[in-house]
């Protein structure tokens, strides 16, 4: 039986760092800066602005940005504490 891990809480820390808490009781500080700098894209670039980056929400067990999930990452990467470029 596979345990489905999901995001239960998240707190903005500084820069592009967010403390993410998971349903298995673990937490990770995830730094999204490398991804945002290394992957320029009009849809993602808006989140380089700190006020927009800080405006994330939790939906369906993961972090999302934007009304149409303009920026989203696999929960497995968040749980590992590292966003792949």
PDB file of N, CA and C in Angstrom:
ATOM      1  N   UNK A   1       0.846  -1.187   0.000  1.00  0.00           N
ATOM      2  CA  UNK A   1       0.000   0.000   0.000  1.00  0.00           C
ATOM      3  C   UNK A   1       0.889   1.247   0.000  1.00  0.00           C
ATOM      4  N   UNK A   2       0.628   2.164  -0.901  1.00  0.00           N
ATOM      5  CA  UNK A   2       1.412   3.388  -1.026  1.00  0.00           C
ATOM      6  C   UNK A   2       0.742   4.513  -0.248  1.00  0.00           C
ATOM      7  N   UNK A   3       1.523   5.213   0.521  1.00  0.00           N
ATOM      8  CA  UNK A   3       1.020   6.354   1.279  1.00  0.00           C
ATOM      9  C   UNK A   3       1.034   7.587   0.393  1.00  0.00           C
ATOM     10  N   UNK A   4      -0.097   8.230   0.249  1.00  0.00           N
ATOM     11  CA  UNK A   4      -0.163   9.447  -0.564  1.00  0.00           C
ATOM     12  C   UNK A   4       0.152  10.651   0.321  1.00  0.00           C
ATOM     13  N   UNK A   5       1.278  11.280   0.050  1.00  0.00           N
ATOM     14  CA  UNK A   5       1.708  12.446   0.821  1.00  0.00           C
ATOM     15  C   UNK A   5       1.202  13.701   0.133  1.00  0.00           C
ATOM     16  N   UNK A   6       0.691  14.634   0.923  1.00  0.00           N
ATOM     17  CA  UNK A   6       0.236  15.896   0.355  1.00  0.00           C
ATOM     18  C   UNK A   6       0.626  17.052   1.277  1.00  0.00           C
ATOM     19  N   UNK A   7       0.592  18.235   0.711  1.00  0.00           N
ATOM     20  CA  UNK A   7       0.923  19.457   1.446  1.00  0.00           C
ATOM     21  C   UNK A   7      -0.261  19.826   2.327  1.00  0.00           C
ATOM     22  N   UNK A   8       0.020  20.085   3.598  1.00  0.00           N
ATOM     23  CA  UNK A   8      -1.050  20.481   4.518  1.00  0.00           C
ATOM     24  C   UNK A   8      -0.911  21.931   4.976  1.00  0.00           C
ATOM     25  N   UNK A   9       0.296  22.500   4.853  1.00  0.00           N
ATOM     26  CA  UNK A   9       0.518  23.894   5.254  1.00  0.00           C
ATOM     27  C   UNK A   9       1.795  24.398   4.589  1.00  0.00           C
ATOM     28  N   UNK A  10       1.876  25.700   4.446  1.00  0.00           N
ATOM     29  CA  UNK A  10       3.073  26.312   3.869  1.00  0.00           C
ATOM     30  C   UNK A  10       3.193  27.734   4.399  1.00  0.00           C
ATOM     31  N   UNK A  11       4.430  28.147   4.609  1.00  0.00           N
ATOM     32  CA  UNK A  11       4.706  29.468   5.161  1.00  0.00           C
ATOM     33  C   UNK A  11       5.844  30.113   4.383  1.00  0.00           C
ATOM     34  N   UNK A  12       5.599  31.311   3.878  1.00  0.00           N
ATOM     35  CA  UNK A  12       6.643  32.057   3.182  1.00  0.00           C
ATOM     36  C   UNK A  12       7.713  32.431   4.200  1.00  0.00           C
ATOM     37  N   UNK A  13       8.996  32.239   3.835  1.00  0.00           N
ATOM     38  CA  UNK A  13      10.094  32.590   4.727  1.00  0.00           C
ATOM     39  C   UNK A  13      10.798  33.862   4.268  1.00  0.00           C
ATOM     40  N   UNK A  14      11.466  33.807   3.109  1.00  0.00           N
ATOM     41  CA  UNK A  14      12.176  34.964   2.559  1.00  0.00           C
ATOM     42  C   UNK A  14      12.599  34.633   1.142  1.00  0.00           C
ATOM     43  N   UNK A  15      12.936  35.677   0.377  1.00  0.00           N
ATOM     44  CA  UNK A  15      13.377  35.451  -1.000  1.00  0.00           C
ATOM     45  C   UNK A  15      12.392  34.577  -1.752  1.00  0.00           C
ATOM     46  N   UNK A  16      12.859  33.404  -2.173  1.00  0.00           N
ATOM     47  CA  UNK A  16      11.997  32.436  -2.855  1.00  0.00           C
ATOM     48  C   UNK A  16      11.893  31.160  -2.035  1.00  0.00           C
ATOM     49  N   UNK A  17      11.998  31.274  -0.722  1.00  0.00           N
ATOM     50  CA  UNK A  17      11.960  30.117   0.170  1.00  0.00           C
ATOM     51  C   UNK A  17      10.608  30.007   0.873  1.00  0.00           C
ATOM     52  N   UNK A  18      10.109  28.772   0.885  1.00  0.00           N
ATOM     53  CA  UNK A  18       8.844  28.468   1.537  1.00  0.00           C
ATOM     54  C   UNK A  18       9.039  27.233   2.412  1.00  0.00           C
ATOM     55  N   UNK A  19       8.550  27.300   3.634  1.00  0.00           N
ATOM     56  CA  UNK A  19       8.524  26.138   4.517  1.00  0.00           C
ATOM     57  C   UNK A  19       7.251  25.363   4.194  1.00  0.00           C
ATOM     58  N   UNK A  20       7.414  24.120   3.738  1.00  0.00           N
ATOM     59  CA  UNK A  20       6.282  23.297   3.317  1.00  0.00           C
ATOM     60  C   UNK A  20       6.125  22.154   4.310  1.00  0.00           C
ATOM     61  N   UNK A  21       4.891  21.969   4.812  1.00  0.00           N
ATOM     62  CA  UNK A  21       4.593  20.898   5.772  1.00  0.00           C
ATOM     63  C   UNK A  21       3.716  19.855   5.090  1.00  0.00           C
ATOM     64  N   UNK A  22       4.010  18.586   5.388  1.00  0.00           N
ATOM     65  CA  UNK A  22       3.368  17.477   4.697  1.00  0.00           C
ATOM     66  C   UNK A  22       2.532  16.611   5.634  1.00  0.00           C
ATOM     67  N   UNK A  23       1.657  15.838   5.021  1.00  0.00           N
ATOM     68  CA  UNK A  23       0.729  14.990   5.763  1.00  0.00           C
ATOM     69  C   UNK A  23       1.426  13.866   6.530  1.00  0.00           C
ATOM     70  N   UNK A  24       2.667  13.567   6.202  1.00  0.00           N
ATOM     71  CA  UNK A  24       3.389  12.516   6.928  1.00  0.00           C
ATOM     72  C   UNK A  24       4.149  13.074   8.135  1.00  0.00           C
ATOM     73  N   UNK A  25       3.930  14.358   8.453  1.00  0.00           N
ATOM     74  CA  UNK A  25       4.560  14.982   9.611  1.00  0.00           C
ATOM     75  C   UNK A  25       5.909  15.609   9.329  1.00  0.00           C
ATOM     76  N   UNK A  26       6.421  15.479   8.110  1.00  0.00           N
ATOM     77  CA  UNK A  26       7.705  16.087   7.766  1.00  0.00           C
ATOM     78  C   UNK A  26       7.501  17.504   7.247  1.00  0.00           C
ATOM     79  N   UNK A  27       8.592  18.221   7.159  1.00  0.00           N
ATOM     80  CA  UNK A  27       8.569  19.560   6.568  1.00  0.00           C
ATOM     81  C   UNK A  27       9.894  19.808   5.869  1.00  0.00           C
ATOM     82  N   UNK A  28       9.853  20.679   4.872  1.00  0.00           N
ATOM     83  CA  UNK A  28      11.038  21.027   4.084  1.00  0.00           C
ATOM     84  C   UNK A  28      11.035  22.520   3.810  1.00  0.00           C
ATOM     85  N   UNK A  29      12.224  23.124   3.819  1.00  0.00           N
ATOM     86  CA  UNK A  29      12.375  24.474   3.293  1.00  0.00           C
ATOM     87  C   UNK A  29      12.751  24.297   1.824  1.00  0.00           C
ATOM     88  N   UNK A  30      11.893  24.791   0.946  1.00  0.00           N
ATOM     89  CA  UNK A  30      12.120  24.656  -0.486  1.00  0.00           C
ATOM     90  C   UNK A  30      12.474  26.021  -1.045  1.00  0.00           C
ATOM     91  N   UNK A  31      13.595  26.091  -1.765  1.00  0.00           N
ATOM     92  CA  UNK A  31      14.041  27.331  -2.396  1.00  0.00           C
ATOM     93  C   UNK A  31      13.758  27.231  -3.898  1.00  0.00           C
ATOM     94  N   UNK A  32      12.872  28.069  -4.395  1.00  0.00           N
ATOM     95  CA  UNK A  32      12.437  28.036  -5.787  1.00  0.00           C
ATOM     96  C   UNK A  32      13.274  28.944  -6.688  1.00  0.00           C
ATOM     97  N   UNK A  33      14.272  29.630  -6.136  1.00  0.00           N
ATOM     98  CA  UNK A  33      15.032  30.619  -6.904  1.00  0.00           C
ATOM     99  C   UNK A  33      15.724  30.016  -8.119  1.00  0.00           C
ATOM    100  N   UNK A  34      16.434  28.905  -7.949  1.00  0.00           N
ATOM    101  CA  UNK A  34      17.137  28.303  -9.083  1.00  0.00           C
ATOM    102  C   UNK A  34      16.187  27.977 -10.224  1.00  0.00           C
ATOM    103  N   UNK A  35      15.024  27.428  -9.891  1.00  0.00           N
ATOM    104  CA  UNK A  35      14.061  27.098 -10.935  1.00  0.00           C
ATOM    105  C   UNK A  35      13.602  28.353 -11.667  1.00  0.00           C
ATOM    106  N   UNK A  36      13.227  29.387 -10.925  1.00  0.00           N
ATOM    107  CA  UNK A  36      12.701  30.605 -11.548  1.00  0.00           C
ATOM    108  C   UNK A  36      13.752  31.315 -12.399  1.00  0.00           C
ATOM    109  N   UNK A  37      15.011  31.289 -11.960  1.00  0.00           N
ATOM    110  CA  UNK A  37      16.086  31.950 -12.706  1.00  0.00           C
ATOM    111  C   UNK A  37      16.489  31.118 -13.928  1.00  0.00           C
ATOM    112  N   UNK A  38      16.525  29.798 -13.771  1.00  0.00           N
ATOM    113  CA  UNK A  38      17.005  28.915 -14.834  1.00  0.00           C
ATOM    114  C   UNK A  38      15.959  28.575 -15.885  1.00  0.00           C
ATOM    115  N   UNK A  39      14.703  28.870 -15.615  1.00  0.00           N
ATOM    116  CA  UNK A  39      13.618  28.498 -16.535  1.00  0.00           C
ATOM    117  C   UNK A  39      12.756  29.696 -16.897  1.00  0.00           C
ATOM    118  N   UNK A  40      13.331  30.671 -17.623  1.00  0.00           N
ATOM    119  CA  UNK A  40      12.526  31.836 -17.990  1.00  0.00           C
ATOM    120  C   UNK A  40      11.363  31.423 -18.890  1.00  0.00           C
ATOM    121  N   UNK A  41      10.215  31.921 -18.562  1.00  0.00           N
ATOM    122  CA  UNK A  41       9.000  31.637 -19.327  1.00  0.00           C
ATOM    123  C   UNK A  41       7.996  32.721 -18.948  1.00  0.00           C
ATOM    124  N   UNK A  42       7.289  33.284 -19.914  1.00  0.00           N
ATOM    125  CA  UNK A  42       6.345  34.363 -19.588  1.00  0.00           C
ATOM    126  C   UNK A  42       5.353  33.993 -18.483  1.00  0.00           C
ATOM    127  N   UNK A  43       4.950  32.748 -18.457  1.00  0.00           N
ATOM    128  CA  UNK A  43       3.986  32.313 -17.441  1.00  0.00           C
ATOM    129  C   UNK A  43       4.631  32.262 -16.054  1.00  0.00           C
ATOM    130  N   UNK A  44       5.931  31.946 -15.994  1.00  0.00           N
ATOM    131  CA  UNK A  44       6.631  31.835 -14.717  1.00  0.00           C
ATOM    132  C   UNK A  44       7.256  33.149 -14.268  1.00  0.00           C
ATOM    133  N   UNK A  45       7.656  33.988 -15.223  1.00  0.00           N
ATOM    134  CA  UNK A  45       8.394  35.211 -14.896  1.00  0.00           C
ATOM    135  C   UNK A  45       7.637  36.128 -13.946  1.00  0.00           C
ATOM    136  N   UNK A  46       6.321  36.127 -14.014  1.00  0.00           N
ATOM    137  CA  UNK A  46       5.536  36.990 -13.132  1.00  0.00           C
ATOM    138  C   UNK A  46       5.768  36.656 -11.647  1.00  0.00           C
ATOM    139  N   UNK A  47       6.188  35.429 -11.365  1.00  0.00           N
ATOM    140  CA  UNK A  47       6.392  35.024  -9.978  1.00  0.00           C
ATOM    141  C   UNK A  47       7.794  35.337  -9.466  1.00  0.00           C
ATOM    142  N   UNK A  48       8.621  35.944 -10.332  1.00  0.00           N
ATOM    143  CA  UNK A  48       9.903  36.467  -9.871  1.00  0.00           C
ATOM    144  C   UNK A  48       9.686  37.720  -9.038  1.00  0.00           C
ATOM    145  N   UNK A  49       8.546  38.371  -9.223  1.00  0.00           N
ATOM    146  CA  UNK A  49       8.168  39.529  -8.409  1.00  0.00           C
ATOM    147  C   UNK A  49       7.750  38.991  -7.040  1.00  0.00           C
ATOM    148  N   UNK A  50       8.432  39.440  -6.012  1.00  0.00           N
ATOM    149  CA  UNK A  50       8.262  38.882  -4.684  1.00  0.00           C
ATOM    150  C   UNK A  50       6.808  38.860  -4.213  1.00  0.00           C
ATOM    151  N   UNK A  51       6.078  39.933  -4.440  1.00  0.00           N
ATOM    152  CA  UNK A  51       4.685  39.980  -3.976  1.00  0.00           C
ATOM    153  C   UNK A  51       3.826  38.918  -4.662  1.00  0.00           C
ATOM    154  N   UNK A  52       4.100  38.628  -5.918  1.00  0.00           N
ATOM    155  CA  UNK A  52       3.354  37.570  -6.616  1.00  0.00           C
ATOM    156  C   UNK A  52       3.791  36.186  -6.145  1.00  0.00           C
ATOM    157  N   UNK A  53       5.101  36.027  -5.917  1.00  0.00           N
ATOM    158  CA  UNK A  53       5.596  34.738  -5.446  1.00  0.00           C
ATOM    159  C   UNK A  53       4.983  34.384  -4.091  1.00  0.00           C
ATOM    160  N   UNK A  54       4.859  35.359  -3.227  1.00  0.00           N
ATOM    161  CA  UNK A  54       4.312  35.135  -1.887  1.00  0.00           C
ATOM    162  C   UNK A  54       2.830  34.795  -1.912  1.00  0.00           C
ATOM    163  N   UNK A  55       2.189  34.970  -3.049  1.00  0.00           N
ATOM    164  CA  UNK A  55       0.738  34.763  -3.162  1.00  0.00           C
ATOM    165  C   UNK A  55       0.417  33.340  -3.658  1.00  0.00           C
ATOM    166  N   UNK A  56       0.945  32.340  -2.970  1.00  0.00           N
ATOM    167  CA  UNK A  56       0.658  30.949  -3.311  1.00  0.00           C
ATOM    168  C   UNK A  56      -0.524  30.465  -2.480  1.00  0.00           C
ATOM    169  N   UNK A  57      -1.034  29.310  -2.839  1.00  0.00           N
ATOM    170  CA  UNK A  57      -2.106  28.695  -2.057  1.00  0.00           C
ATOM    171  C   UNK A  57      -1.943  27.184  -2.131  1.00  0.00           C
ATOM    172  N   UNK A  58      -2.646  26.502  -1.273  1.00  0.00           N
ATOM    173  CA  UNK A  58      -2.648  25.043  -1.283  1.00  0.00           C
ATOM    174  C   UNK A  58      -3.976  24.594  -1.880  1.00  0.00           C
ATOM    175  N   UNK A  59      -3.873  23.824  -2.948  1.00  0.00           N
ATOM    176  CA  UNK A  59      -5.069  23.267  -3.593  1.00  0.00           C
ATOM    177  C   UNK A  59      -4.792  21.824  -3.959  1.00  0.00           C
ATOM    178  N   UNK A  60      -5.716  20.972  -3.679  1.00  0.00           N
ATOM    179  CA  UNK A  60      -5.612  19.538  -4.009  1.00  0.00           C
ATOM    180  C   UNK A  60      -4.298  18.935  -3.527  1.00  0.00           C
ATOM    181  N   UNK A  61      -3.851  19.385  -2.351  1.00  0.00           N
ATOM    182  CA  UNK A  61      -2.687  18.781  -1.714  1.00  0.00           C
ATOM    183  C   UNK A  61      -1.335  19.230  -2.202  1.00  0.00           C
ATOM    184  N   UNK A  62      -1.280  20.335  -2.941  1.00  0.00           N
ATOM    185  CA  UNK A  62       0.012  20.844  -3.400  1.00  0.00           C
ATOM    186  C   UNK A  62       0.002  22.374  -3.428  1.00  0.00           C
ATOM    187  N   UNK A  63       1.177  22.958  -3.621  1.00  0.00           N
ATOM    188  CA  UNK A  63       1.286  24.418  -3.746  1.00  0.00           C
ATOM    189  C   UNK A  63       1.003  24.824  -5.178  1.00  0.00           C
ATOM    190  N   UNK A  64       0.235  25.882  -5.339  1.00  0.00           N
ATOM    191  CA  UNK A  64      -0.036  26.413  -6.671  1.00  0.00           C
ATOM    192  C   UNK A  64       0.030  27.936  -6.621  1.00  0.00           C
ATOM    193  N   UNK A  65       0.345  28.508  -7.780  1.00  0.00           N
ATOM    194  CA  UNK A  65       0.365  29.957  -7.951  1.00  0.00           C
ATOM    195  C   UNK A  65      -0.526  30.285  -9.133  1.00  0.00           C
ATOM    196  N   UNK A  66      -1.228  31.390  -9.040  1.00  0.00           N
ATOM    197  CA  UNK A  66      -2.068  31.847 -10.146  1.00  0.00           C
ATOM    198  C   UNK A  66      -3.439  31.201 -10.121  1.00  0.00           C
ATOM    199  N   UNK A  67      -4.363  31.855 -10.792  1.00  0.00           N
ATOM    200  CA  UNK A  67      -5.745  31.373 -10.856  1.00  0.00           C
ATOM    201  C   UNK A  67      -5.868  30.038 -11.577  1.00  0.00           C
ATOM    202  N   UNK A  68      -5.048  29.850 -12.600  1.00  0.00           N
ATOM    203  CA  UNK A  68      -5.129  28.629 -13.412  1.00  0.00           C
ATOM    204  C   UNK A  68      -3.929  27.718 -13.176  1.00  0.00           C
ATOM    205  N   UNK A  69      -3.400  27.745 -11.959  1.00  0.00           N
ATOM    206  CA  UNK A  69      -2.247  26.926 -11.607  1.00  0.00           C
ATOM    207  C   UNK A  69      -1.098  27.212 -12.571  1.00  0.00           C
ATOM    208  N   UNK A  70      -0.770  28.494 -12.732  1.00  0.00           N
ATOM    209  CA  UNK A  70       0.284  28.920 -13.645  1.00  0.00           C
ATOM    210  C   UNK A  70       1.647  28.348 -13.263  1.00  0.00           C
ATOM    211  N   UNK A  71       1.830  28.082 -11.988  1.00  0.00           N
ATOM    212  CA  UNK A  71       3.079  27.514 -11.502  1.00  0.00           C
ATOM    213  C   UNK A  71       2.715  26.436 -10.494  1.00  0.00           C
ATOM    214  N   UNK A  72       3.221  25.230 -10.729  1.00  0.00           N
ATOM    215  CA  UNK A  72       2.932  24.094  -9.849  1.00  0.00           C
ATOM    216  C   UNK A  72       4.102  23.120  -9.950  1.00  0.00           C
ATOM    217  N   UNK A  73       4.372  22.411  -8.861  1.00  0.00           N
ATOM    218  CA  UNK A  73       5.480  21.455  -8.821  1.00  0.00           C
ATOM    219  C   UNK A  73       4.980  20.133  -8.263  1.00  0.00           C
ATOM    220  N   UNK A  74       5.600  19.029  -8.687  1.00  0.00           N
ATOM    221  CA  UNK A  74       5.206  17.729  -8.140  1.00  0.00           C
ATOM    222  C   UNK A  74       5.433  17.690  -6.621  1.00  0.00           C
ATOM    223  N   UNK A  75       4.499  17.130  -5.903  1.00  0.00           N
ATOM    224  CA  UNK A  75       4.613  17.020  -4.450  1.00  0.00           C
ATOM    225  C   UNK A  75       5.879  16.249  -4.077  1.00  0.00           C
ATOM    226  N   UNK A  76       6.258  15.275  -4.891  1.00  0.00           N
ATOM    227  CA  UNK A  76       7.465  14.496  -4.609  1.00  0.00           C
ATOM    228  C   UNK A  76       8.702  15.393  -4.557  1.00  0.00           C
ATOM    229  N   UNK A  77       8.771  16.391  -5.445  1.00  0.00           N
ATOM    230  CA  UNK A  77       9.912  17.308  -5.432  1.00  0.00           C
ATOM    231  C   UNK A  77       9.854  18.213  -4.199  1.00  0.00           C
ATOM    232  N   UNK A  78       8.683  18.695  -3.869  1.00  0.00           N
ATOM    233  CA  UNK A  78       8.543  19.527  -2.681  1.00  0.00           C
ATOM    234  C   UNK A  78       8.961  18.731  -1.450  1.00  0.00           C
ATOM    235  N   UNK A  79       8.509  17.495  -1.372  1.00  0.00           N
ATOM    236  CA  UNK A  79       8.810  16.633  -0.236  1.00  0.00           C
ATOM    237  C   UNK A  79      10.315  16.358  -0.131  1.00  0.00           C
ATOM    238  N   UNK A  80      10.980  16.248  -1.285  1.00  0.00           N
ATOM    239  CA  UNK A  80      12.426  16.030  -1.295  1.00  0.00           C
ATOM    240  C   UNK A  80      13.197  17.313  -0.976  1.00  0.00           C
ATOM    241  N   UNK A  81      12.515  18.467  -1.050  1.00  0.00           N
ATOM    242  CA  UNK A  81      13.158  19.738  -0.746  1.00  0.00           C
ATOM    243  C   UNK A  81      13.977  20.299  -1.885  1.00  0.00           C
ATOM    244  N   UNK A  82      13.743  19.773  -3.088  1.00  0.00           N
ATOM    245  CA  UNK A  82      14.535  20.203  -4.234  1.00  0.00           C
ATOM    246  C   UNK A  82      13.666  20.240  -5.482  1.00  0.00           C
ATOM    247  N   UNK A  83      13.686  21.376  -6.174  1.00  0.00           N
ATOM    248  CA  UNK A  83      12.926  21.538  -7.412  1.00  0.00           C
ATOM    249  C   UNK A  83      13.871  21.269  -8.580  1.00  0.00           C
ATOM    250  N   UNK A  84      13.516  20.331  -9.416  1.00  0.00           N
ATOM    251  CA  UNK A  84      14.345  20.013 -10.582  1.00  0.00           C
ATOM    252  C   UNK A  84      14.184  21.096 -11.641  1.00  0.00           C
ATOM    253  N   UNK A  85      15.288  21.431 -12.307  1.00  0.00           N
ATOM    254  CA  UNK A  85      15.248  22.448 -13.362  1.00  0.00           C
ATOM    255  C   UNK A  85      14.853  21.862 -14.659  1.00  0.00           C
TER     256      UNK A  85
END
